[in-house]
Amino acid sequence: MAESLAMGKPVLATRNGGAEMQVIEGENGWLVPTNDVEAMKNKMEEIIAHPELWINMDTTSHVVSIEKHVKELVGIYEKIRC
């Protein structure tokens, strides 16, 4: 996801935990329910039929760099360390 967003490409992903950290619905991509094939199919058809939905999306504003991601993970680990 980060690579696509950094390259200026919107992302279509499922709500499976990690995607919500970077994908902002309608701003830099779309999120569909996990394991919902019909929702994924419908969103793909909508994206294909309406390119104006994604042509001018600002996909780079929510990119989480590897450095920031690692720092956030280390912070979480430090908080839960016994």
PDB file of N, CA and C in Angstrom:
ATOM      1  N   MET A   1       0.811  -1.189   0.000  1.00  0.00           N
ATOM      2  CA  MET A   1       0.000   0.000   0.000  1.00  0.00           C
ATOM      3  C   MET A   1       0.855   1.255   0.000  1.00  0.00           C
ATOM      4  N   ALA A   2       1.848   1.293   0.876  1.00  0.00           N
ATOM      5  CA  ALA A   2       2.673   2.500   0.975  1.00  0.00           C
ATOM      6  C   ALA A   2       3.347   2.812  -0.355  1.00  0.00           C
ATOM      7  N   GLU A   3       3.800   1.771  -1.037  1.00  0.00           N
ATOM      8  CA  GLU A   3       4.483   1.980  -2.316  1.00  0.00           C
ATOM      9  C   GLU A   3       3.518   2.558  -3.352  1.00  0.00           C
ATOM     10  N   SER A   4       2.307   2.030  -3.413  1.00  0.00           N
ATOM     11  CA  SER A   4       1.314   2.539  -4.364  1.00  0.00           C
ATOM     12  C   SER A   4       0.966   3.985  -4.051  1.00  0.00           C
ATOM     13  N   LEU A   5       0.715   4.272  -2.783  1.00  0.00           N
ATOM     14  CA  LEU A   5       0.378   5.633  -2.388  1.00  0.00           C
ATOM     15  C   LEU A   5       1.523   6.595  -2.679  1.00  0.00           C
ATOM     16  N   ALA A   6       2.742   6.165  -2.401  1.00  0.00           N
ATOM     17  CA  ALA A   6       3.908   7.022  -2.655  1.00  0.00           C
ATOM     18  C   ALA A   6       4.091   7.306  -4.144  1.00  0.00           C
ATOM     19  N   MET A   7       3.637   6.381  -4.987  1.00  0.00           N
ATOM     20  CA  MET A   7       3.732   6.566  -6.439  1.00  0.00           C
ATOM     21  C   MET A   7       2.531   7.325  -6.996  1.00  0.00           C
ATOM     22  N   GLY A   8       1.644   7.765  -6.105  1.00  0.00           N
ATOM     23  CA  GLY A   8       0.494   8.537  -6.548  1.00  0.00           C
ATOM     24  C   GLY A   8      -0.673   7.703  -7.016  1.00  0.00           C
ATOM     25  N   LYS A   9      -0.704   6.448  -6.628  1.00  0.00           N
ATOM     26  CA  LYS A   9      -1.781   5.549  -7.040  1.00  0.00           C
ATOM     27  C   LYS A   9      -2.722   5.281  -5.880  1.00  0.00           C
ATOM     28  N   PRO A  10      -4.032   5.427  -6.074  1.00  0.00           N
ATOM     29  CA  PRO A  10      -4.969   5.111  -5.008  1.00  0.00           C
ATOM     30  C   PRO A  10      -4.988   3.611  -4.730  1.00  0.00           C
ATOM     31  N   VAL A  11      -5.466   3.237  -3.558  1.00  0.00           N
ATOM     32  CA  VAL A  11      -5.462   1.848  -3.118  1.00  0.00           C
ATOM     33  C   VAL A  11      -6.880   1.384  -2.818  1.00  0.00           C
ATOM     34  N   LEU A  12      -7.178   0.178  -3.245  1.00  0.00           N
ATOM     35  CA  LEU A  12      -8.414  -0.503  -2.860  1.00  0.00           C
ATOM     36  C   LEU A  12      -7.987  -1.663  -1.979  1.00  0.00           C
ATOM     37  N   ALA A  13      -8.457  -1.668  -0.747  1.00  0.00           N
ATOM     38  CA  ALA A  13      -8.036  -2.697   0.206  1.00  0.00           C
ATOM     39  C   ALA A  13      -9.200  -3.101   1.095  1.00  0.00           C
ATOM     40  N   THR A  14      -8.997  -4.192   1.814  1.00  0.00           N
ATOM     41  CA  THR A  14     -10.000  -4.627   2.776  1.00  0.00           C
ATOM     42  C   THR A  14      -9.674  -4.053   4.150  1.00  0.00           C
ATOM     43  N   ARG A  15     -10.682  -3.945   4.970  1.00  0.00           N
ATOM     44  CA  ARG A  15     -10.522  -3.468   6.349  1.00  0.00           C
ATOM     45  C   ARG A  15      -9.992  -4.623   7.196  1.00  0.00           C
ATOM     46  N   ASN A  16      -8.681  -4.821   7.118  1.00  0.00           N
ATOM     47  CA  ASN A  16      -8.103  -5.962   7.829  1.00  0.00           C
ATOM     48  C   ASN A  16      -7.078  -5.554   8.873  1.00  0.00           C
ATOM     49  N   GLY A  17      -7.085  -4.318   9.270  1.00  0.00           N
ATOM     50  CA  GLY A  17      -6.168  -3.877  10.314  1.00  0.00           C
ATOM     51  C   GLY A  17      -5.156  -2.870   9.823  1.00  0.00           C
ATOM     52  N   GLY A  18      -4.280  -3.254   8.949  1.00  0.00           N
ATOM     53  CA  GLY A  18      -3.219  -2.365   8.492  1.00  0.00           C
ATOM     54  C   GLY A  18      -3.666  -1.306   7.507  1.00  0.00           C
ATOM     55  N   ALA A  19      -4.628  -1.635   6.690  1.00  0.00           N
ATOM     56  CA  ALA A  19      -5.045  -0.703   5.645  1.00  0.00           C
ATOM     57  C   ALA A  19      -5.589   0.606   6.207  1.00  0.00           C
ATOM     58  N   GLU A  20      -6.304   0.510   7.312  1.00  0.00           N
ATOM     59  CA  GLU A  20      -6.914   1.714   7.879  1.00  0.00           C
ATOM     60  C   GLU A  20      -5.884   2.738   8.350  1.00  0.00           C
ATOM     61  N   MET A  21      -4.651   2.311   8.549  1.00  0.00           N
ATOM     62  CA  MET A  21      -3.599   3.234   8.975  1.00  0.00           C
ATOM     63  C   MET A  21      -3.183   4.173   7.858  1.00  0.00           C
ATOM     64  N   GLN A  22      -3.363   3.757   6.605  1.00  0.00           N
ATOM     65  CA  GLN A  22      -2.887   4.560   5.491  1.00  0.00           C
ATOM     66  C   GLN A  22      -3.972   4.983   4.512  1.00  0.00           C
ATOM     67  N   VAL A  23      -5.005   4.187   4.378  1.00  0.00           N
ATOM     68  CA  VAL A  23      -6.045   4.486   3.401  1.00  0.00           C
ATOM     69  C   VAL A  23      -7.175   5.256   4.068  1.00  0.00           C
ATOM     70  N   ILE A  24      -7.431   6.444   3.547  1.00  0.00           N
ATOM     71  CA  ILE A  24      -8.531   7.284   4.012  1.00  0.00           C
ATOM     72  C   ILE A  24      -9.614   7.204   2.944  1.00  0.00           C
ATOM     73  N   GLU A  25     -10.729   6.610   3.311  1.00  0.00           N
ATOM     74  CA  GLU A  25     -11.822   6.352   2.377  1.00  0.00           C
ATOM     75  C   GLU A  25     -12.175   7.585   1.550  1.00  0.00           C
ATOM     76  N   GLY A  26     -12.088   7.432   0.216  1.00  0.00           N
ATOM     77  CA  GLY A  26     -12.448   8.507  -0.696  1.00  0.00           C
ATOM     78  C   GLY A  26     -11.391   9.572  -0.887  1.00  0.00           C
ATOM     79  N   GLU A  27     -10.355   9.589  -0.061  1.00  0.00           N
ATOM     80  CA  GLU A  27      -9.290  10.590  -0.197  1.00  0.00           C
ATOM     81  C   GLU A  27      -8.083  10.035  -0.956  1.00  0.00           C
ATOM     82  N   ASN A  28      -7.642   8.845  -0.576  1.00  0.00           N
ATOM     83  CA  ASN A  28      -6.492   8.256  -1.263  1.00  0.00           C
ATOM     84  C   ASN A  28      -6.742   6.789  -1.616  1.00  0.00           C
ATOM     85  N   GLY A  29      -7.998   6.393  -1.500  1.00  0.00           N
ATOM     86  CA  GLY A  29      -8.359   5.021  -1.840  1.00  0.00           C
ATOM     87  C   GLY A  29      -9.693   4.651  -1.226  1.00  0.00           C
ATOM     88  N   TRP A  30      -9.918   3.339  -1.176  1.00  0.00           N
ATOM     89  CA  TRP A  30     -11.193   2.840  -0.680  1.00  0.00           C
ATOM     90  C   TRP A  30     -10.960   1.604   0.175  1.00  0.00           C
ATOM     91  N   LEU A  31     -11.841   1.408   1.139  1.00  0.00           N
ATOM     92  CA  LEU A  31     -11.783   0.237   2.014  1.00  0.00           C
ATOM     93  C   LEU A  31     -13.109  -0.507   1.918  1.00  0.00           C
ATOM     94  N   VAL A  32     -13.017  -1.826   1.789  1.00  0.00           N
ATOM     95  CA  VAL A  32     -14.211  -2.662   1.774  1.00  0.00           C
ATOM     96  C   VAL A  32     -14.106  -3.664   2.912  1.00  0.00           C
ATOM     97  N   PRO A  33     -15.227  -4.217   3.338  1.00  0.00           N
ATOM     98  CA  PRO A  33     -15.187  -5.190   4.428  1.00  0.00           C
ATOM     99  C   PRO A  33     -14.328  -6.416   4.080  1.00  0.00           C
ATOM    100  N   THR A  34     -13.674  -6.950   5.073  1.00  0.00           N
ATOM    101  CA  THR A  34     -12.855  -8.155   4.896  1.00  0.00           C
ATOM    102  C   THR A  34     -13.737  -9.322   4.481  1.00  0.00           C
ATOM    103  N   ASN A  35     -13.229 -10.128   3.573  1.00  0.00           N
ATOM    104  CA  ASN A  35     -13.907 -11.345   3.094  1.00  0.00           C
ATOM    105  C   ASN A  35     -15.249 -11.080   2.413  1.00  0.00           C
ATOM    106  N   ASP A  36     -15.446  -9.894   1.903  1.00  0.00           N
ATOM    107  CA  ASP A  36     -16.692  -9.561   1.206  1.00  0.00           C
ATOM    108  C   ASP A  36     -16.386  -9.404  -0.286  1.00  0.00           C
ATOM    109  N   VAL A  37     -16.439 -10.519  -0.987  1.00  0.00           N
ATOM    110  CA  VAL A  37     -16.103 -10.542  -2.408  1.00  0.00           C
ATOM    111  C   VAL A  37     -17.027  -9.638  -3.209  1.00  0.00           C
ATOM    112  N   GLU A  38     -18.291  -9.638  -2.870  1.00  0.00           N
ATOM    113  CA  GLU A  38     -19.266  -8.814  -3.595  1.00  0.00           C
ATOM    114  C   GLU A  38     -18.946  -7.326  -3.438  1.00  0.00           C
ATOM    115  N   ALA A  39     -18.583  -6.899  -2.225  1.00  0.00           N
ATOM    116  CA  ALA A  39     -18.217  -5.492  -1.997  1.00  0.00           C
ATOM    117  C   ALA A  39     -16.971  -5.119  -2.794  1.00  0.00           C
ATOM    118  N   MET A  40     -15.993  -6.014  -2.846  1.00  0.00           N
ATOM    119  CA  MET A  40     -14.771  -5.751  -3.619  1.00  0.00           C
ATOM    120  C   MET A  40     -15.107  -5.645  -5.104  1.00  0.00           C
ATOM    121  N   LYS A  41     -15.905  -6.564  -5.606  1.00  0.00           N
ATOM    122  CA  LYS A  41     -16.319  -6.547  -7.014  1.00  0.00           C
ATOM    123  C   LYS A  41     -17.067  -5.252  -7.341  1.00  0.00           C
ATOM    124  N   ASN A  42     -18.008  -4.888  -6.501  1.00  0.00           N
ATOM    125  CA  ASN A  42     -18.790  -3.678  -6.745  1.00  0.00           C
ATOM    126  C   ASN A  42     -17.921  -2.425  -6.750  1.00  0.00           C
ATOM    127  N   LYS A  43     -16.973  -2.351  -5.800  1.00  0.00           N
ATOM    128  CA  LYS A  43     -16.103  -1.168  -5.742  1.00  0.00           C
ATOM    129  C   LYS A  43     -15.193  -1.114  -6.962  1.00  0.00           C
ATOM    130  N   MET A  44     -14.674  -2.262  -7.393  1.00  0.00           N
ATOM    131  CA  MET A  44     -13.827  -2.295  -8.588  1.00  0.00           C
ATOM    132  C   MET A  44     -14.607  -1.829  -9.817  1.00  0.00           C
ATOM    133  N   GLU A  45     -15.841  -2.298  -9.946  1.00  0.00           N
ATOM    134  CA  GLU A  45     -16.673  -1.868 -11.070  1.00  0.00           C
ATOM    135  C   GLU A  45     -16.943  -0.365 -11.017  1.00  0.00           C
ATOM    136  N   GLU A  46     -17.188   0.158  -9.829  1.00  0.00           N
ATOM    137  CA  GLU A  46     -17.428   1.592  -9.665  1.00  0.00           C
ATOM    138  C   GLU A  46     -16.191   2.408 -10.041  1.00  0.00           C
ATOM    139  N   ILE A  47     -15.023   1.957  -9.601  1.00  0.00           N
ATOM    140  CA  ILE A  47     -13.771   2.659  -9.908  1.00  0.00           C
ATOM    141  C   ILE A  47     -13.511   2.675 -11.411  1.00  0.00           C
ATOM    142  N   ILE A  48     -13.736   1.541 -12.060  1.00  0.00           N
ATOM    143  CA  ILE A  48     -13.522   1.441 -13.509  1.00  0.00           C
ATOM    144  C   ILE A  48     -14.518   2.322 -14.262  1.00  0.00           C
ATOM    145  N   ALA A  49     -15.763   2.313 -13.828  1.00  0.00           N
ATOM    146  CA  ALA A  49     -16.809   3.074 -14.520  1.00  0.00           C
ATOM    147  C   ALA A  49     -16.701   4.579 -14.302  1.00  0.00           C
ATOM    148  N   HIS A  50     -16.061   4.987 -13.210  1.00  0.00           N
ATOM    149  CA  HIS A  50     -16.004   6.415 -12.863  1.00  0.00           C
ATOM    150  C   HIS A  50     -14.568   6.844 -12.537  1.00  0.00           C
ATOM    151  N   PRO A  51     -13.726   7.002 -13.556  1.00  0.00           N
ATOM    152  CA  PRO A  51     -12.335   7.394 -13.298  1.00  0.00           C
ATOM    153  C   PRO A  51     -12.201   8.744 -12.598  1.00  0.00           C
ATOM    154  N   GLU A  52     -13.223   9.584 -12.676  1.00  0.00           N
ATOM    155  CA  GLU A  52     -13.158  10.878 -11.988  1.00  0.00           C
ATOM    156  C   GLU A  52     -13.067  10.697 -10.475  1.00  0.00           C
ATOM    157  N   LEU A  53     -13.419   9.526  -9.974  1.00  0.00           N
ATOM    158  CA  LEU A  53     -13.309   9.247  -8.542  1.00  0.00           C
ATOM    159  C   LEU A  53     -11.863   9.224  -8.059  1.00  0.00           C
ATOM    160  N   TRP A  54     -10.952   8.869  -8.952  1.00  0.00           N
ATOM    161  CA  TRP A  54      -9.564   8.678  -8.520  1.00  0.00           C
ATOM    162  C   TRP A  54      -8.525   9.471  -9.293  1.00  0.00           C
ATOM    163  N   ILE A  55      -8.877  10.046 -10.395  1.00  0.00           N
ATOM    164  CA  ILE A  55      -7.888  10.751 -11.227  1.00  0.00           C
ATOM    165  C   ILE A  55      -7.136  11.815 -10.445  1.00  0.00           C
ATOM    166  N   ASN A  56      -7.807  12.602  -9.627  1.00  0.00           N
ATOM    167  CA  ASN A  56      -7.168  13.710  -8.917  1.00  0.00           C
ATOM    168  C   ASN A  56      -7.004  13.474  -7.421  1.00  0.00           C
ATOM    169  N   MET A  57      -6.995  12.223  -7.005  1.00  0.00           N
ATOM    170  CA  MET A  57      -6.828  11.935  -5.576  1.00  0.00           C
ATOM    171  C   MET A  57      -5.433  12.320  -5.103  1.00  0.00           C
ATOM    172  N   ASP A  58      -5.372  12.857  -3.889  1.00  0.00           N
ATOM    173  CA  ASP A  58      -4.096  13.173  -3.255  1.00  0.00           C
ATOM    174  C   ASP A  58      -3.649  11.953  -2.448  1.00  0.00           C
ATOM    175  N   THR A  59      -2.930  11.057  -3.087  1.00  0.00           N
ATOM    176  CA  THR A  59      -2.581   9.802  -2.437  1.00  0.00           C
ATOM    177  C   THR A  59      -1.328   9.879  -1.585  1.00  0.00           C
ATOM    178  N   THR A  60      -0.524  10.893  -1.759  1.00  0.00           N
ATOM    179  CA  THR A  60       0.759  10.924  -1.057  1.00  0.00           C
ATOM    180  C   THR A  60       0.697  11.552   0.332  1.00  0.00           C
ATOM    181  N   SER A  61      -0.391  12.199   0.689  1.00  0.00           N
ATOM    182  CA  SER A  61      -0.431  12.899   1.975  1.00  0.00           C
ATOM    183  C   SER A  61      -0.549  11.976   3.179  1.00  0.00           C
ATOM    184  N   HIS A  62      -0.959  10.733   2.978  1.00  0.00           N
ATOM    185  CA  HIS A  62      -1.136   9.814   4.099  1.00  0.00           C
ATOM    186  C   HIS A  62      -0.149   8.651   4.086  1.00  0.00           C
ATOM    187  N   VAL A  63       0.910   8.783   3.313  1.00  0.00           N
ATOM    188  CA  VAL A  63       1.904   7.714   3.248  1.00  0.00           C
ATOM    189  C   VAL A  63       2.668   7.662   4.564  1.00  0.00           C
ATOM    190  N   VAL A  64       2.754   6.471   5.142  1.00  0.00           N
ATOM    191  CA  VAL A  64       3.510   6.264   6.373  1.00  0.00           C
ATOM    192  C   VAL A  64       4.874   5.716   5.988  1.00  0.00           C
ATOM    193  N   SER A  65       5.923   6.475   6.267  1.00  0.00           N
ATOM    194  CA  SER A  65       7.269   6.023   5.917  1.00  0.00           C
ATOM    195  C   SER A  65       7.665   4.832   6.784  1.00  0.00           C
ATOM    196  N   ILE A  66       8.604   4.068   6.304  1.00  0.00           N
ATOM    197  CA  ILE A  66       9.107   2.927   7.065  1.00  0.00           C
ATOM    198  C   ILE A  66       9.673   3.408   8.399  1.00  0.00           C
ATOM    199  N   GLU A  67      10.394   4.518   8.375  1.00  0.00           N
ATOM    200  CA  GLU A  67      10.986   5.053   9.598  1.00  0.00           C
ATOM    201  C   GLU A  67       9.906   5.376  10.636  1.00  0.00           C
ATOM    202  N   LYS A  68       8.849   6.053  10.204  1.00  0.00           N
ATOM    203  CA  LYS A  68       7.768   6.401  11.124  1.00  0.00           C
ATOM    204  C   LYS A  68       7.068   5.141  11.634  1.00  0.00           C
ATOM    205  N   HIS A  69       6.835   4.197  10.753  1.00  0.00           N
ATOM    206  CA  HIS A  69       6.167   2.955  11.137  1.00  0.00           C
ATOM    207  C   HIS A  69       6.975   2.205  12.192  1.00  0.00           C
ATOM    208  N   VAL A  70       8.281   2.104  11.978  1.00  0.00           N
ATOM    209  CA  VAL A  70       9.146   1.403  12.934  1.00  0.00           C
ATOM    210  C   VAL A  70       9.157   2.131  14.276  1.00  0.00           C
ATOM    211  N   LYS A  71       9.241   3.450  14.251  1.00  0.00           N
ATOM    212  CA  LYS A  71       9.230   4.219  15.495  1.00  0.00           C
ATOM    213  C   LYS A  71       7.932   4.001  16.263  1.00  0.00           C
ATOM    214  N   GLU A  72       6.811   3.962  15.550  1.00  0.00           N
ATOM    215  CA  GLU A  72       5.530   3.721  16.202  1.00  0.00           C
ATOM    216  C   GLU A  72       5.478   2.317  16.804  1.00  0.00           C
ATOM    217  N   LEU A  73       5.995   1.328  16.077  1.00  0.00           N
ATOM    218  CA  LEU A  73       6.021  -0.040  16.601  1.00  0.00           C
ATOM    219  C   LEU A  73       6.905  -0.143  17.837  1.00  0.00           C
ATOM    220  N   VAL A  74       8.068   0.467  17.798  1.00  0.00           N
ATOM    221  CA  VAL A  74       8.970   0.441  18.947  1.00  0.00           C
ATOM    222  C   VAL A  74       8.288   1.097  20.149  1.00  0.00           C
ATOM    223  N   GLY A  75       7.594   2.196  19.926  1.00  0.00           N
ATOM    224  CA  GLY A  75       6.867   2.857  21.010  1.00  0.00           C
ATOM    225  C   GLY A  75       5.822   1.948  21.633  1.00  0.00           C
ATOM    226  N   ILE A  76       5.111   1.218  20.799  1.00  0.00           N
ATOM    227  CA  ILE A  76       4.106   0.269  21.307  1.00  0.00           C
ATOM    228  C   ILE A  76       4.790  -0.829  22.119  1.00  0.00           C
ATOM    229  N   TYR A  77       5.868  -1.394  21.585  1.00  0.00           N
ATOM    230  CA  TYR A  77       6.577  -2.465  22.288  1.00  0.00           C
ATOM    231  C   TYR A  77       7.135  -1.981  23.624  1.00  0.00           C
ATOM    232  N   GLU A  78       7.641  -0.756  23.643  1.00  0.00           N
ATOM    233  CA  GLU A  78       8.192  -0.219  24.884  1.00  0.00           C
ATOM    234  C   GLU A  78       7.094  -0.052  25.962  1.00  0.00           C
ATOM    235  N   LYS A  79       5.899   0.318  25.543  1.00  0.00           N
ATOM    236  CA  LYS A  79       4.794   0.481  26.481  1.00  0.00           C
ATOM    237  C   LYS A  79       4.342  -0.837  27.074  1.00  0.00           C
ATOM    238  N   ILE A  80       4.386  -1.909  26.310  1.00  0.00           N
ATOM    239  CA  ILE A  80       3.878  -3.192  26.803  1.00  0.00           C
ATOM    240  C   ILE A  80       4.973  -4.096  27.373  1.00  0.00           C
ATOM    241  N   ARG A  81       6.223  -3.648  27.278  1.00  0.00           N
ATOM    242  CA  ARG A  81       7.330  -4.446  27.802  1.00  0.00           C
ATOM    243  C   ARG A  81       7.210  -4.571  29.323  1.00  0.00           C
ATOM    244  N   CYS A  82       7.418  -5.751  29.806  1.00  0.00           N
ATOM    245  CA  CYS A  82       7.293  -6.007  31.262  1.00  0.00           C
ATOM    246  C   CYS A  82       8.441  -5.448  32.049  1.00  0.00           C
TER     247      CYS A  82
END
